């Protein structure tokens, strides 16, 4: 396992070292999910944008099959209040 170091910039940005980027295709605009394990550990995972969009489209179809348009609007309004 290769260990690299980076620093946090004043705007909260950290650069993924080139040696790591070369091993994991991550061009500009790549989406990552970030999970804070504890105050010292965070995990980043590259997200496949096409798969994510497909998952949301499938979710939308699934919801539409169970809820009518008025129910969907009602659920959205209720969740925005929270």
C-alpha atoms as a PDB file:
ATOM      1  CA  UNK A   1       0.000   0.000   0.000  1.00  0.00           C
ATOM      2  CA  UNK A   2       1.376   3.360  -1.038  1.00  0.00           C
ATOM      3  CA  UNK A   3       1.098   6.238   1.438  1.00  0.00           C
ATOM      4  CA  UNK A   4       1.057   9.810   0.150  1.00  0.00           C
ATOM      5  CA  UNK A   5       0.586  13.135   1.919  1.00  0.00           C
ATOM      6  CA  UNK A   6      -1.375  16.248   1.078  1.00  0.00           C
ATOM      7  CA  UNK A   7      -2.289  19.443   2.889  1.00  0.00           C
ATOM      8  CA  UNK A   8      -5.588  21.188   3.368  1.00  0.00           C
ATOM      9  CA  UNK A   9      -5.851  24.583   1.669  1.00  0.00           C
ATOM     10  CA  UNK A  10      -7.492  27.650   3.148  1.00  0.00           C
ATOM     11  CA  UNK A  11     -10.774  26.857   1.352  1.00  0.00           C
ATOM     12  CA  UNK A  12     -10.848  23.308   2.743  1.00  0.00           C
ATOM     13  CA  UNK A  13      -9.560  21.662  -0.422  1.00  0.00           C
ATOM     14  CA  UNK A  14      -7.075  18.795  -0.474  1.00  0.00           C
ATOM     15  CA  UNK A  15      -5.253  17.662  -3.608  1.00  0.00           C
ATOM     16  CA  UNK A  16      -5.158  13.954  -4.399  1.00  0.00           C
ATOM     17  CA  UNK A  17      -1.476  13.257  -5.195  1.00  0.00           C
ATOM     18  CA  UNK A  18      -0.667  12.580  -8.848  1.00  0.00           C
ATOM     19  CA  UNK A  19       0.715   9.094  -8.131  1.00  0.00           C
ATOM     20  CA  UNK A  20      -2.685   8.120  -6.675  1.00  0.00           C
ATOM     21  CA  UNK A  21      -4.706   9.809  -9.465  1.00  0.00           C
ATOM     22  CA  UNK A  22      -2.704   7.920 -12.095  1.00  0.00           C
ATOM     23  CA  UNK A  23      -3.735   4.602 -10.532  1.00  0.00           C
ATOM     24  CA  UNK A  24      -7.405   5.576 -10.235  1.00  0.00           C
ATOM     25  CA  UNK A  25      -8.912   7.345 -13.232  1.00  0.00           C
ATOM     26  CA  UNK A  26     -10.273  10.562 -11.752  1.00  0.00           C
ATOM     27  CA  UNK A  27     -10.350  13.368 -14.307  1.00  0.00           C
ATOM     28  CA  UNK A  28     -11.502  16.876 -13.454  1.00  0.00           C
ATOM     29  CA  UNK A  29     -15.146  16.828 -12.396  1.00  0.00           C
ATOM     30  CA  UNK A  30     -15.032  13.323 -10.903  1.00  0.00           C
ATOM     31  CA  UNK A  31     -17.584  12.959  -8.104  1.00  0.00           C
ATOM     32  CA  UNK A  32     -16.559  11.480  -4.759  1.00  0.00           C
ATOM     33  CA  UNK A  33     -18.590  10.536  -1.722  1.00  0.00           C
ATOM     34  CA  UNK A  34     -16.845  11.294   1.557  1.00  0.00           C
ATOM     35  CA  UNK A  35     -17.547   9.570   4.853  1.00  0.00           C
ATOM     36  CA  UNK A  36     -16.139  10.733   8.176  1.00  0.00           C
ATOM     37  CA  UNK A  37     -15.291   7.629  10.217  1.00  0.00           C
ATOM     38  CA  UNK A  38     -14.102   9.598  13.244  1.00  0.00           C
ATOM     39  CA  UNK A  39     -12.333  12.904  13.873  1.00  0.00           C
ATOM     40  CA  UNK A  40      -9.082  11.628  12.305  1.00  0.00           C
ATOM     41  CA  UNK A  41     -10.266   9.297   9.522  1.00  0.00           C
ATOM     42  CA  UNK A  42     -12.267   9.979   6.396  1.00  0.00           C
ATOM     43  CA  UNK A  43     -12.924   7.706   3.428  1.00  0.00           C
ATOM     44  CA  UNK A  44     -13.401   8.851  -0.159  1.00  0.00           C
ATOM     45  CA  UNK A  45     -15.038   6.752  -2.866  1.00  0.00           C
ATOM     46  CA  UNK A  46     -15.180   7.614  -6.544  1.00  0.00           C
ATOM     47  CA  UNK A  47     -18.750   7.708  -7.816  1.00  0.00           C
ATOM     48  CA  UNK A  48     -19.745   6.574 -11.304  1.00  0.00           C
ATOM     49  CA  UNK A  49     -21.934   9.506 -12.416  1.00  0.00           C
ATOM     50  CA  UNK A  50     -23.749   7.494 -15.121  1.00  0.00           C
ATOM     51  CA  UNK A  51     -24.588   4.699 -12.674  1.00  0.00           C
ATOM     52  CA  UNK A  52     -25.726   7.240 -10.078  1.00  0.00           C
ATOM     53  CA  UNK A  53     -28.058   8.915 -12.601  1.00  0.00           C
ATOM     54  CA  UNK A  54     -29.408   5.526 -13.694  1.00  0.00           C
ATOM     55  CA  UNK A  55     -30.036   4.593 -10.045  1.00  0.00           C
ATOM     56  CA  UNK A  56     -31.989   7.822  -9.506  1.00  0.00           C
ATOM     57  CA  UNK A  57     -34.028   7.255 -12.672  1.00  0.00           C
ATOM     58  CA  UNK A  58     -34.880   3.736 -11.498  1.00  0.00           C
ATOM     59  CA  UNK A  59     -35.761   5.068  -8.050  1.00  0.00           C
ATOM     60  CA  UNK A  60     -38.056   7.658  -9.625  1.00  0.00           C
ATOM     61  CA  UNK A  61     -39.834   4.978 -11.641  1.00  0.00           C
ATOM     62  CA  UNK A  62     -40.179   2.812  -8.538  1.00  0.00           C
ATOM     63  CA  UNK A  63     -41.668   5.691  -6.536  1.00  0.00           C
ATOM     64  CA  UNK A  64     -44.053   6.661  -9.323  1.00  0.00           C
ATOM     65  CA  UNK A  65     -45.314   3.086  -9.355  1.00  0.00           C
ATOM     66  CA  UNK A  66     -46.188   3.338  -5.640  1.00  0.00           C
ATOM     67  CA  UNK A  67     -47.223   6.985  -5.212  1.00  0.00           C
ATOM     68  CA  UNK A  68     -49.350   9.275  -7.318  1.00  0.00           C
ATOM     69  CA  UNK A  69     -48.220  12.795  -8.263  1.00  0.00           C
ATOM     70  CA  UNK A  70     -50.065  14.476  -5.362  1.00  0.00           C
ATOM     71  CA  UNK A  71     -48.539  12.054  -2.832  1.00  0.00           C
ATOM     72  CA  UNK A  72     -45.047  12.728  -4.184  1.00  0.00           C
ATOM     73  CA  UNK A  73     -45.550  16.508  -3.889  1.00  0.00           C
ATOM     74  CA  UNK A  74     -46.892  16.072  -0.348  1.00  0.00           C
ATOM     75  CA  UNK A  75     -43.870  13.966   0.692  1.00  0.00           C
ATOM     76  CA  UNK A  76     -41.461  16.525  -0.770  1.00  0.00           C
ATOM     77  CA  UNK A  77     -43.161  19.401   1.077  1.00  0.00           C
ATOM     78  CA  UNK A  78     -43.125  17.492   4.363  1.00  0.00           C
ATOM     79  CA  UNK A  79     -39.443  16.585   4.062  1.00  0.00           C
ATOM     80  CA  UNK A  80     -38.518  20.217   3.236  1.00  0.00           C
ATOM     81  CA  UNK A  81     -40.171  21.348   6.473  1.00  0.00           C
ATOM     82  CA  UNK A  82     -37.756  19.140   8.427  1.00  0.00           C
END
